[in-house]
Amino acid sequence: MIADALWRVAERAGLDGASVRRVAAEAGVSPGLVQHYFRTREQMLLFALESAAARMAARYDPTAERSPQLAVRELLTQFLPLDGERRAEGWSLFTFLAEAARGGPIGQRVRIGMDQVRRRVTADLTRAGGVSEPQLVATTLLALTDGLAAHVLAEHLTPDQALAILEHQLDAAFLRRAP
C-alpha cells in the first residue's frame, strides 16, 4: 500500500516530490504511519527501489530453461515500459538513476543492481558461445535498453518500435562471433 503510493507520487512528481506527507496522503494514511516504517526519506526511497527490483524479479525467472538469447531478451524487456506497470517503474527508475549520480546509499544500490544485471547478461552471452567480447556487448545492450526506455517514456517511440529495435540488436549481438 505505501510502496504503491510512493510509486504513484514518484511517477507524478519525481523522487524529489516524494515526501512523507505526499506519500501518506496518496496512501490515505497519516504521515506518522509512514514515518513508523521509514525514519528518513532515504529509507523510503531505498524501499521503493527494492520493491521495484522485487517486482521485476517476479516477472523474470533466471532459472527457467531457455536459450541465452531468449533469457537476455526476457531480462532486458523488464526495463522497457511495455505496459502500465513497467511504464510507472520506468519513470521512477530514471529518477533513481539521476539520484544515484549523487552517490550515497541509493547510488550504491543502483550500481549493485546494474552490475548484477550486467553480469547476468554477460553470463548468457558467454553461455551462447562465440559472442565476441560478451561484457562489452552486455554493456551496449543495457545502454541501448535504457535509451529505448527513455524514448518510449518521452513518446518518441512506441513500445512495439522499441521492442523491434531491441530484437534487432539481440539478433546482431548473438550472431557476432569471435574471430
N, C-alpha and C. Protein backbone atom coordinates (compact mmCIF):
# COMPACT_ATOMS: atom_id res chain seq x y z
N MET A 1 0.83 -1.18 0.00
CA MET A 1 0.00 0.00 0.00
C MET A 1 0.87 1.25 0.00
N ILE A 2 1.80 1.37 0.93
CA ILE A 2 2.66 2.54 0.99
C ILE A 2 3.62 2.53 -0.20
N ALA A 3 4.13 1.36 -0.57
CA ALA A 3 5.04 1.27 -1.71
C ALA A 3 4.34 1.70 -2.99
N ASP A 4 3.10 1.25 -3.19
CA ASP A 4 2.36 1.65 -4.38
C ASP A 4 2.10 3.15 -4.39
N ALA A 5 1.77 3.70 -3.23
CA ALA A 5 1.55 5.15 -3.13
C ALA A 5 2.83 5.89 -3.46
N LEU A 6 3.94 5.40 -2.97
CA LEU A 6 5.23 6.02 -3.26
C LEU A 6 5.51 6.02 -4.75
N TRP A 7 5.24 4.89 -5.42
CA TRP A 7 5.45 4.82 -6.88
C TRP A 7 4.56 5.79 -7.61
N ARG A 8 3.30 5.93 -7.19
CA ARG A 8 2.39 6.85 -7.87
C ARG A 8 2.85 8.30 -7.70
N VAL A 9 3.29 8.65 -6.50
CA VAL A 9 3.78 10.01 -6.25
C VAL A 9 5.04 10.25 -7.08
N ALA A 10 5.94 9.29 -7.07
CA ALA A 10 7.19 9.45 -7.82
C ALA A 10 6.94 9.57 -9.31
N GLU A 11 5.95 8.86 -9.81
CA GLU A 11 5.63 8.93 -11.24
C GLU A 11 5.13 10.33 -11.59
N ARG A 12 4.32 10.91 -10.71
CA ARG A 12 3.75 12.24 -10.99
C ARG A 12 4.72 13.37 -10.67
N ALA A 13 5.44 13.25 -9.55
CA ALA A 13 6.23 14.39 -9.05
C ALA A 13 7.72 14.12 -9.01
N GLY A 14 8.15 12.93 -9.43
CA GLY A 14 9.57 12.59 -9.33
C GLY A 14 9.93 12.26 -7.89
N LEU A 15 11.13 11.74 -7.71
CA LEU A 15 11.54 11.37 -6.36
C LEU A 15 11.73 12.58 -5.47
N ASP A 16 12.10 13.72 -6.07
CA ASP A 16 12.24 14.94 -5.26
C ASP A 16 10.91 15.33 -4.64
N GLY A 17 9.81 14.98 -5.31
CA GLY A 17 8.49 15.30 -4.79
C GLY A 17 7.91 14.23 -3.89
N ALA A 18 8.64 13.16 -3.68
CA ALA A 18 8.14 12.04 -2.87
C ALA A 18 8.45 12.28 -1.40
N SER A 19 7.67 13.13 -0.79
CA SER A 19 7.84 13.40 0.64
C SER A 19 6.97 12.45 1.45
N VAL A 20 7.28 12.35 2.71
CA VAL A 20 6.49 11.50 3.62
C VAL A 20 5.04 11.98 3.60
N ARG A 21 4.85 13.27 3.64
CA ARG A 21 3.49 13.83 3.67
C ARG A 21 2.71 13.48 2.39
N ARG A 22 3.35 13.63 1.23
CA ARG A 22 2.66 13.31 -0.04
C ARG A 22 2.35 11.82 -0.15
N VAL A 23 3.31 10.99 0.25
CA VAL A 23 3.10 9.54 0.18
C VAL A 23 1.97 9.13 1.12
N ALA A 24 1.95 9.71 2.31
CA ALA A 24 0.89 9.39 3.28
C ALA A 24 -0.47 9.80 2.71
N ALA A 25 -0.55 10.98 2.13
CA ALA A 25 -1.82 11.44 1.56
C ALA A 25 -2.26 10.52 0.42
N GLU A 26 -1.32 10.12 -0.41
CA GLU A 26 -1.64 9.23 -1.53
C GLU A 26 -2.13 7.87 -1.04
N ALA A 27 -1.54 7.38 0.05
CA ALA A 27 -1.92 6.07 0.60
C ALA A 27 -3.16 6.15 1.48
N GLY A 28 -3.56 7.38 1.83
CA GLY A 28 -4.73 7.54 2.70
C GLY A 28 -4.43 7.18 4.15
N VAL A 29 -3.20 7.41 4.57
CA VAL A 29 -2.80 7.13 5.95
C VAL A 29 -2.15 8.38 6.54
N SER A 30 -1.87 8.34 7.82
CA SER A 30 -1.25 9.50 8.46
C SER A 30 0.26 9.52 8.17
N PRO A 31 0.84 10.72 8.14
CA PRO A 31 2.30 10.79 7.97
C PRO A 31 3.04 10.01 9.07
N GLY A 32 2.45 9.96 10.26
CA GLY A 32 3.07 9.22 11.35
C GLY A 32 3.20 7.74 11.04
N LEU A 33 2.22 7.18 10.35
CA LEU A 33 2.28 5.77 9.98
C LEU A 33 3.42 5.53 8.99
N VAL A 34 3.57 6.42 8.02
CA VAL A 34 4.66 6.28 7.05
C VAL A 34 6.00 6.41 7.79
N GLN A 35 6.09 7.37 8.71
CA GLN A 35 7.33 7.56 9.47
C GLN A 35 7.61 6.40 10.41
N HIS A 36 6.58 5.66 10.79
CA HIS A 36 6.78 4.48 11.61
C HIS A 36 7.63 3.45 10.85
N TYR A 37 7.37 3.32 9.55
CA TYR A 37 8.10 2.36 8.73
C TYR A 37 9.40 2.92 8.17
N PHE A 38 9.44 4.21 7.93
CA PHE A 38 10.62 4.84 7.33
C PHE A 38 10.99 6.07 8.13
N ARG A 39 12.11 5.98 8.84
CA ARG A 39 12.53 7.10 9.67
C ARG A 39 13.04 8.26 8.85
N THR A 40 13.56 7.94 7.65
CA THR A 40 14.08 9.01 6.79
C THR A 40 13.52 8.85 5.38
N ARG A 41 13.57 9.93 4.64
CA ARG A 41 13.15 9.91 3.24
C ARG A 41 14.02 8.93 2.46
N GLU A 42 15.31 8.90 2.77
CA GLU A 42 16.22 7.99 2.08
C GLU A 42 15.81 6.53 2.29
N GLN A 43 15.41 6.17 3.51
CA GLN A 43 14.93 4.81 3.76
C GLN A 43 13.70 4.50 2.92
N MET A 44 12.82 5.48 2.79
CA MET A 44 11.61 5.30 2.00
C MET A 44 11.98 5.09 0.52
N LEU A 45 12.94 5.85 0.02
CA LEU A 45 13.35 5.71 -1.37
C LEU A 45 14.07 4.39 -1.62
N LEU A 46 14.89 3.97 -0.68
CA LEU A 46 15.55 2.67 -0.82
C LEU A 46 14.52 1.54 -0.85
N PHE A 47 13.48 1.67 -0.03
CA PHE A 47 12.41 0.68 -0.05
C PHE A 47 11.74 0.65 -1.42
N ALA A 48 11.49 1.82 -1.99
CA ALA A 48 10.87 1.89 -3.31
C ALA A 48 11.74 1.22 -4.36
N LEU A 49 13.04 1.44 -4.27
CA LEU A 49 13.98 0.82 -5.21
C LEU A 49 13.96 -0.69 -5.05
N GLU A 50 13.98 -1.17 -3.82
CA GLU A 50 13.94 -2.61 -3.57
C GLU A 50 12.61 -3.22 -4.04
N SER A 51 11.52 -2.49 -3.86
CA SER A 51 10.23 -3.02 -4.31
C SER A 51 10.17 -3.10 -5.83
N ALA A 52 10.81 -2.15 -6.51
CA ALA A 52 10.86 -2.22 -7.99
C ALA A 52 11.67 -3.43 -8.42
N ALA A 53 12.79 -3.66 -7.76
CA ALA A 53 13.62 -4.82 -8.10
C ALA A 53 12.85 -6.11 -7.84
N ALA A 54 12.09 -6.16 -6.78
CA ALA A 54 11.31 -7.36 -6.47
C ALA A 54 10.21 -7.58 -7.51
N ARG A 55 9.57 -6.50 -7.96
CA ARG A 55 8.53 -6.64 -8.99
C ARG A 55 9.12 -7.14 -10.30
N MET A 56 10.29 -6.61 -10.66
CA MET A 56 10.94 -7.08 -11.88
C MET A 56 11.35 -8.55 -11.74
N ALA A 57 11.88 -8.89 -10.59
CA ALA A 57 12.31 -10.28 -10.36
C ALA A 57 11.13 -11.24 -10.42
N ALA A 58 9.97 -10.78 -9.99
CA ALA A 58 8.78 -11.64 -10.04
C ALA A 58 8.35 -11.93 -11.48
N ARG A 59 8.70 -11.03 -12.38
CA ARG A 59 8.33 -11.22 -13.79
C ARG A 59 9.39 -11.99 -14.57
N TYR A 60 10.58 -12.16 -13.99
CA TYR A 60 11.69 -12.80 -14.70
C TYR A 60 12.25 -13.92 -13.86
N ASP A 61 12.26 -15.12 -14.39
CA ASP A 61 12.79 -16.29 -13.68
C ASP A 61 14.16 -16.64 -14.26
N PRO A 62 15.25 -16.33 -13.55
CA PRO A 62 16.58 -16.60 -14.09
C PRO A 62 16.89 -18.10 -14.21
N THR A 63 16.10 -18.94 -13.55
CA THR A 63 16.38 -20.37 -13.58
C THR A 63 15.60 -21.11 -14.67
N ALA A 64 14.70 -20.40 -15.34
CA ALA A 64 13.91 -21.05 -16.39
C ALA A 64 14.82 -21.49 -17.53
N GLU A 65 14.50 -22.64 -18.09
CA GLU A 65 15.29 -23.16 -19.21
C GLU A 65 14.84 -22.48 -20.49
N ARG A 66 15.81 -21.83 -21.13
CA ARG A 66 15.56 -21.15 -22.39
C ARG A 66 16.91 -20.83 -23.02
N SER A 67 16.88 -20.46 -24.26
CA SER A 67 18.13 -20.12 -24.94
C SER A 67 18.73 -18.87 -24.30
N PRO A 68 20.05 -18.71 -24.42
CA PRO A 68 20.66 -17.50 -23.88
C PRO A 68 20.05 -16.22 -24.46
N GLN A 69 19.76 -16.24 -25.76
CA GLN A 69 19.19 -15.04 -26.37
C GLN A 69 17.81 -14.72 -25.79
N LEU A 70 16.99 -15.73 -25.61
CA LEU A 70 15.67 -15.51 -25.03
C LEU A 70 15.79 -15.04 -23.58
N ALA A 71 16.75 -15.59 -22.85
CA ALA A 71 16.96 -15.16 -21.46
C ALA A 71 17.32 -13.68 -21.40
N VAL A 72 18.22 -13.25 -22.27
CA VAL A 72 18.62 -11.84 -22.30
C VAL A 72 17.42 -10.98 -22.70
N ARG A 73 16.68 -11.42 -23.70
CA ARG A 73 15.51 -10.67 -24.16
C ARG A 73 14.52 -10.49 -23.02
N GLU A 74 14.21 -11.58 -22.33
CA GLU A 74 13.23 -11.51 -21.25
C GLU A 74 13.71 -10.61 -20.11
N LEU A 75 14.99 -10.63 -19.83
CA LEU A 75 15.52 -9.77 -18.78
C LEU A 75 15.46 -8.30 -19.20
N LEU A 76 15.96 -8.00 -20.39
CA LEU A 76 16.01 -6.60 -20.81
C LEU A 76 14.62 -5.99 -21.01
N THR A 77 13.66 -6.80 -21.42
CA THR A 77 12.32 -6.24 -21.60
C THR A 77 11.68 -5.84 -20.27
N GLN A 78 12.24 -6.29 -19.15
CA GLN A 78 11.73 -5.84 -17.86
C GLN A 78 12.00 -4.36 -17.65
N PHE A 79 12.99 -3.82 -18.37
CA PHE A 79 13.36 -2.42 -18.24
C PHE A 79 12.67 -1.52 -19.27
N LEU A 80 11.96 -2.13 -20.21
CA LEU A 80 11.25 -1.34 -21.23
C LEU A 80 9.82 -1.08 -20.76
N PRO A 81 9.33 0.13 -20.91
CA PRO A 81 7.95 0.45 -20.49
C PRO A 81 6.93 -0.06 -21.50
N LEU A 82 6.74 -1.39 -21.51
CA LEU A 82 5.87 -2.03 -22.49
C LEU A 82 4.42 -2.12 -22.03
N ASP A 83 4.18 -1.87 -20.74
CA ASP A 83 2.82 -1.91 -20.19
C ASP A 83 2.74 -0.88 -19.06
N GLY A 84 1.56 -0.75 -18.49
CA GLY A 84 1.36 0.27 -17.46
C GLY A 84 2.27 0.12 -16.26
N GLU A 85 2.44 -1.11 -15.78
CA GLU A 85 3.29 -1.33 -14.61
C GLU A 85 4.74 -0.95 -14.90
N ARG A 86 5.26 -1.42 -16.03
CA ARG A 86 6.65 -1.11 -16.37
C ARG A 86 6.83 0.37 -16.75
N ARG A 87 5.78 0.99 -17.25
CA ARG A 87 5.86 2.43 -17.55
C ARG A 87 6.03 3.21 -16.24
N ALA A 88 5.23 2.88 -15.24
CA ALA A 88 5.36 3.55 -13.94
C ALA A 88 6.73 3.30 -13.34
N GLU A 89 7.20 2.08 -13.42
CA GLU A 89 8.53 1.77 -12.90
C GLU A 89 9.60 2.53 -13.68
N GLY A 90 9.40 2.63 -14.99
CA GLY A 90 10.38 3.32 -15.83
C GLY A 90 10.59 4.77 -15.43
N TRP A 91 9.49 5.49 -15.20
CA TRP A 91 9.63 6.88 -14.76
C TRP A 91 10.44 6.96 -13.48
N SER A 92 10.09 6.11 -12.55
CA SER A 92 10.77 6.15 -11.26
C SER A 92 12.22 5.68 -11.36
N LEU A 93 12.47 4.66 -12.17
CA LEU A 93 13.83 4.17 -12.29
C LEU A 93 14.76 5.20 -12.91
N PHE A 94 14.27 5.99 -13.85
CA PHE A 94 15.11 7.06 -14.40
C PHE A 94 15.41 8.10 -13.33
N THR A 95 14.43 8.35 -12.49
CA THR A 95 14.67 9.29 -11.40
C THR A 95 15.70 8.72 -10.43
N PHE A 96 15.64 7.39 -10.21
CA PHE A 96 16.64 6.76 -9.35
C PHE A 96 18.03 6.86 -9.96
N LEU A 97 18.13 6.73 -11.28
CA LEU A 97 19.44 6.86 -11.93
C LEU A 97 20.01 8.25 -11.68
N ALA A 98 19.17 9.26 -11.79
CA ALA A 98 19.62 10.63 -11.52
C ALA A 98 20.03 10.78 -10.05
N GLU A 99 19.24 10.21 -9.17
CA GLU A 99 19.55 10.25 -7.74
C GLU A 99 20.85 9.51 -7.46
N ALA A 100 21.09 8.42 -8.19
CA ALA A 100 22.29 7.62 -7.99
C ALA A 100 23.55 8.41 -8.31
N ALA A 101 23.43 9.36 -9.23
CA ALA A 101 24.60 10.17 -9.58
C ALA A 101 25.08 11.00 -8.40
N ARG A 102 24.22 11.21 -7.42
CA ARG A 102 24.61 11.95 -6.22
C ARG A 102 25.38 11.08 -5.23
N GLY A 103 25.41 9.78 -5.48
CA GLY A 103 26.12 8.86 -4.59
C GLY A 103 25.25 8.42 -3.44
N GLY A 104 25.87 8.11 -2.32
CA GLY A 104 25.13 7.68 -1.14
C GLY A 104 24.55 6.29 -1.29
N PRO A 105 23.73 5.88 -0.34
CA PRO A 105 23.16 4.53 -0.35
C PRO A 105 22.32 4.23 -1.59
N ILE A 106 21.59 5.21 -2.10
CA ILE A 106 20.78 4.97 -3.29
C ILE A 106 21.69 4.73 -4.48
N GLY A 107 22.71 5.55 -4.63
CA GLY A 107 23.66 5.35 -5.72
C GLY A 107 24.34 3.99 -5.64
N GLN A 108 24.71 3.60 -4.44
CA GLN A 108 25.36 2.30 -4.25
C GLN A 108 24.41 1.17 -4.63
N ARG A 109 23.14 1.27 -4.22
CA ARG A 109 22.17 0.21 -4.53
C ARG A 109 21.91 0.13 -6.03
N VAL A 110 21.82 1.27 -6.70
CA VAL A 110 21.61 1.28 -8.15
C VAL A 110 22.81 0.64 -8.85
N ARG A 111 24.02 1.00 -8.42
CA ARG A 111 25.23 0.41 -9.02
C ARG A 111 25.27 -1.11 -8.82
N ILE A 112 24.92 -1.56 -7.64
CA ILE A 112 24.91 -3.00 -7.37
C ILE A 112 23.89 -3.69 -8.28
N GLY A 113 22.70 -3.12 -8.37
CA GLY A 113 21.67 -3.71 -9.21
C GLY A 113 22.07 -3.76 -10.68
N MET A 114 22.64 -2.67 -11.18
CA MET A 114 23.05 -2.65 -12.58
C MET A 114 24.21 -3.62 -12.83
N ASP A 115 25.11 -3.73 -11.87
CA ASP A 115 26.21 -4.70 -12.01
C ASP A 115 25.67 -6.13 -12.05
N GLN A 116 24.66 -6.41 -11.25
CA GLN A 116 24.05 -7.75 -11.26
C GLN A 116 23.41 -8.05 -12.62
N VAL A 117 22.71 -7.07 -13.17
CA VAL A 117 22.08 -7.26 -14.48
C VAL A 117 23.16 -7.45 -15.55
N ARG A 118 24.20 -6.62 -15.50
CA ARG A 118 25.29 -6.73 -16.49
C ARG A 118 25.95 -8.11 -16.41
N ARG A 119 26.18 -8.60 -15.20
CA ARG A 119 26.79 -9.93 -15.05
C ARG A 119 25.88 -11.02 -15.59
N ARG A 120 24.58 -10.89 -15.36
CA ARG A 120 23.62 -11.89 -15.86
C ARG A 120 23.62 -11.91 -17.39
N VAL A 121 23.57 -10.73 -18.00
CA VAL A 121 23.58 -10.65 -19.47
C VAL A 121 24.91 -11.16 -20.01
N THR A 122 26.01 -10.79 -19.38
CA THR A 122 27.33 -11.27 -19.81
C THR A 122 27.40 -12.79 -19.73
N ALA A 123 26.87 -13.36 -18.65
CA ALA A 123 26.88 -14.82 -18.49
C ALA A 123 26.07 -15.50 -19.60
N ASP A 124 24.92 -14.93 -19.93
CA ASP A 124 24.11 -15.52 -21.01
C ASP A 124 24.79 -15.38 -22.37
N LEU A 125 25.44 -14.27 -22.61
CA LEU A 125 26.18 -14.09 -23.86
C LEU A 125 27.34 -15.09 -23.93
N THR A 126 28.01 -15.30 -22.81
CA THR A 126 29.12 -16.26 -22.75
C THR A 126 28.58 -17.67 -22.96
N ARG A 127 27.46 -17.98 -22.33
CA ARG A 127 26.84 -19.30 -22.46
C ARG A 127 26.46 -19.60 -23.90
N ALA A 128 26.12 -18.57 -24.65
CA ALA A 128 25.75 -18.75 -26.06
C ALA A 128 26.93 -19.24 -26.88
N GLY A 129 28.12 -18.86 -26.45
CA GLY A 129 29.32 -19.27 -27.18
C GLY A 129 29.54 -18.45 -28.42
N GLY A 130 30.77 -18.11 -28.66
CA GLY A 130 31.14 -17.43 -29.89
C GLY A 130 30.81 -15.94 -29.94
N VAL A 131 30.25 -15.37 -28.86
CA VAL A 131 29.96 -13.94 -28.86
C VAL A 131 31.26 -13.21 -28.53
N SER A 132 31.65 -12.36 -29.44
CA SER A 132 32.89 -11.59 -29.26
C SER A 132 32.68 -10.55 -28.17
N GLU A 133 33.56 -10.50 -27.18
CA GLU A 133 33.55 -9.53 -26.09
C GLU A 133 32.19 -9.45 -25.38
N PRO A 134 31.79 -10.51 -24.71
CA PRO A 134 30.46 -10.55 -24.09
C PRO A 134 30.20 -9.42 -23.09
N GLN A 135 31.20 -9.01 -22.33
CA GLN A 135 30.97 -7.93 -21.36
C GLN A 135 30.69 -6.60 -22.06
N LEU A 136 31.42 -6.33 -23.13
CA LEU A 136 31.19 -5.11 -23.91
C LEU A 136 29.81 -5.15 -24.57
N VAL A 137 29.45 -6.29 -25.11
CA VAL A 137 28.14 -6.44 -25.75
C VAL A 137 27.04 -6.29 -24.70
N ALA A 138 27.23 -6.85 -23.51
CA ALA A 138 26.23 -6.72 -22.44
C ALA A 138 26.04 -5.26 -22.06
N THR A 139 27.12 -4.54 -21.90
CA THR A 139 27.05 -3.12 -21.54
C THR A 139 26.34 -2.33 -22.64
N THR A 140 26.64 -2.66 -23.88
CA THR A 140 25.99 -1.99 -25.02
C THR A 140 24.50 -2.25 -25.02
N LEU A 141 24.10 -3.49 -24.79
CA LEU A 141 22.68 -3.83 -24.77
C LEU A 141 21.95 -3.13 -23.62
N LEU A 142 22.61 -3.03 -22.47
CA LEU A 142 21.99 -2.33 -21.34
C LEU A 142 21.82 -0.84 -21.64
N ALA A 143 22.85 -0.24 -22.24
CA ALA A 143 22.75 1.18 -22.60
C ALA A 143 21.66 1.40 -23.64
N LEU A 144 21.58 0.51 -24.62
CA LEU A 144 20.52 0.59 -25.62
C LEU A 144 19.15 0.50 -24.96
N THR A 145 18.99 -0.43 -24.04
CA THR A 145 17.71 -0.61 -23.36
C THR A 145 17.32 0.65 -22.59
N ASP A 146 18.28 1.25 -21.89
CA ASP A 146 17.99 2.50 -21.18
C ASP A 146 17.54 3.58 -22.15
N GLY A 147 18.24 3.70 -23.28
CA GLY A 147 17.88 4.70 -24.28
C GLY A 147 16.50 4.44 -24.87
N LEU A 148 16.21 3.18 -25.17
CA LEU A 148 14.89 2.84 -25.71
C LEU A 148 13.80 3.16 -24.70
N ALA A 149 14.05 2.85 -23.44
CA ALA A 149 13.07 3.15 -22.39
C ALA A 149 12.80 4.65 -22.33
N ALA A 150 13.86 5.45 -22.39
CA ALA A 150 13.68 6.91 -22.35
C ALA A 150 12.85 7.39 -23.54
N HIS A 151 13.10 6.82 -24.70
CA HIS A 151 12.37 7.25 -25.90
C HIS A 151 10.90 6.81 -25.85
N VAL A 152 10.62 5.67 -25.26
CA VAL A 152 9.23 5.26 -25.11
C VAL A 152 8.53 6.17 -24.09
N LEU A 153 9.18 6.44 -22.98
CA LEU A 153 8.58 7.32 -21.97
C LEU A 153 8.32 8.72 -22.51
N ALA A 154 9.21 9.20 -23.39
CA ALA A 154 9.03 10.52 -23.99
C ALA A 154 8.12 10.48 -25.22
N GLU A 155 7.65 9.29 -25.54
CA GLU A 155 6.75 9.05 -26.66
C GLU A 155 7.38 9.39 -28.01
N HIS A 156 8.70 9.21 -28.11
CA HIS A 156 9.39 9.30 -29.40
C HIS A 156 9.30 7.98 -30.13
N LEU A 157 9.13 6.90 -29.38
CA LEU A 157 8.96 5.56 -29.93
C LEU A 157 7.76 4.91 -29.26
N THR A 158 7.12 4.01 -29.96
CA THR A 158 6.08 3.20 -29.33
C THR A 158 6.76 2.02 -28.65
N PRO A 159 6.07 1.38 -27.73
CA PRO A 159 6.65 0.17 -27.14
C PRO A 159 6.99 -0.88 -28.19
N ASP A 160 6.15 -1.04 -29.20
CA ASP A 160 6.42 -2.02 -30.26
C ASP A 160 7.68 -1.67 -31.05
N GLN A 161 7.87 -0.39 -31.33
CA GLN A 161 9.08 0.02 -32.04
C GLN A 161 10.33 -0.26 -31.20
N ALA A 162 10.26 0.06 -29.92
CA ALA A 162 11.40 -0.19 -29.04
C ALA A 162 11.72 -1.67 -28.97
N LEU A 163 10.69 -2.49 -28.87
CA LEU A 163 10.90 -3.93 -28.81
C LEU A 163 11.51 -4.44 -30.11
N ALA A 164 11.08 -3.93 -31.24
CA ALA A 164 11.65 -4.34 -32.54
C ALA A 164 13.13 -3.95 -32.63
N ILE A 165 13.49 -2.78 -32.13
CA ILE A 165 14.89 -2.35 -32.16
C ILE A 165 15.72 -3.25 -31.25
N LEU A 166 15.21 -3.54 -30.06
CA LEU A 166 15.93 -4.43 -29.15
C LEU A 166 16.11 -5.80 -29.79
N GLU A 167 15.07 -6.33 -30.39
CA GLU A 167 15.16 -7.65 -31.06
C GLU A 167 16.24 -7.63 -32.14
N HIS A 168 16.27 -6.56 -32.92
CA HIS A 168 17.27 -6.44 -33.99
C HIS A 168 18.68 -6.48 -33.40
N GLN A 169 18.89 -5.74 -32.33
CA GLN A 169 20.23 -5.70 -31.72
C GLN A 169 20.59 -7.02 -31.05
N LEU A 170 19.60 -7.69 -30.48
CA LEU A 170 19.88 -9.01 -29.90
C LEU A 170 20.28 -10.00 -30.99
N ASP A 171 19.57 -9.97 -32.11
CA ASP A 171 19.94 -10.84 -33.23
C ASP A 171 21.38 -10.56 -33.66
N ALA A 172 21.72 -9.29 -33.77
CA ALA A 172 23.08 -8.92 -34.19
C ALA A 172 24.11 -9.35 -33.14
N ALA A 173 23.78 -9.15 -31.87
CA ALA A 173 24.74 -9.48 -30.81
C ALA A 173 25.00 -10.98 -30.76
N PHE A 174 23.96 -11.77 -30.90
CA PHE A 174 24.14 -13.21 -30.79
C PHE A 174 24.69 -13.83 -32.07
N LEU A 175 24.74 -13.08 -33.15
CA LEU A 175 25.36 -13.56 -34.38
C LEU A 175 26.84 -13.23 -34.45
N ARG A 176 27.27 -12.26 -33.61
CA ARG A 176 28.68 -11.89 -33.60
C ARG A 176 29.51 -13.04 -33.12
N ARG A 177 30.53 -13.34 -33.82
CA ARG A 177 31.41 -14.44 -33.44
C ARG A 177 32.83 -13.92 -33.27
N ALA A 178 33.52 -14.50 -32.34
CA ALA A 178 34.91 -14.13 -32.14
C ALA A 178 35.71 -14.51 -33.37
N PRO A 179 36.68 -13.67 -33.75
CA PRO A 179 37.49 -14.00 -34.95
C PRO A 179 38.34 -15.23 -34.74
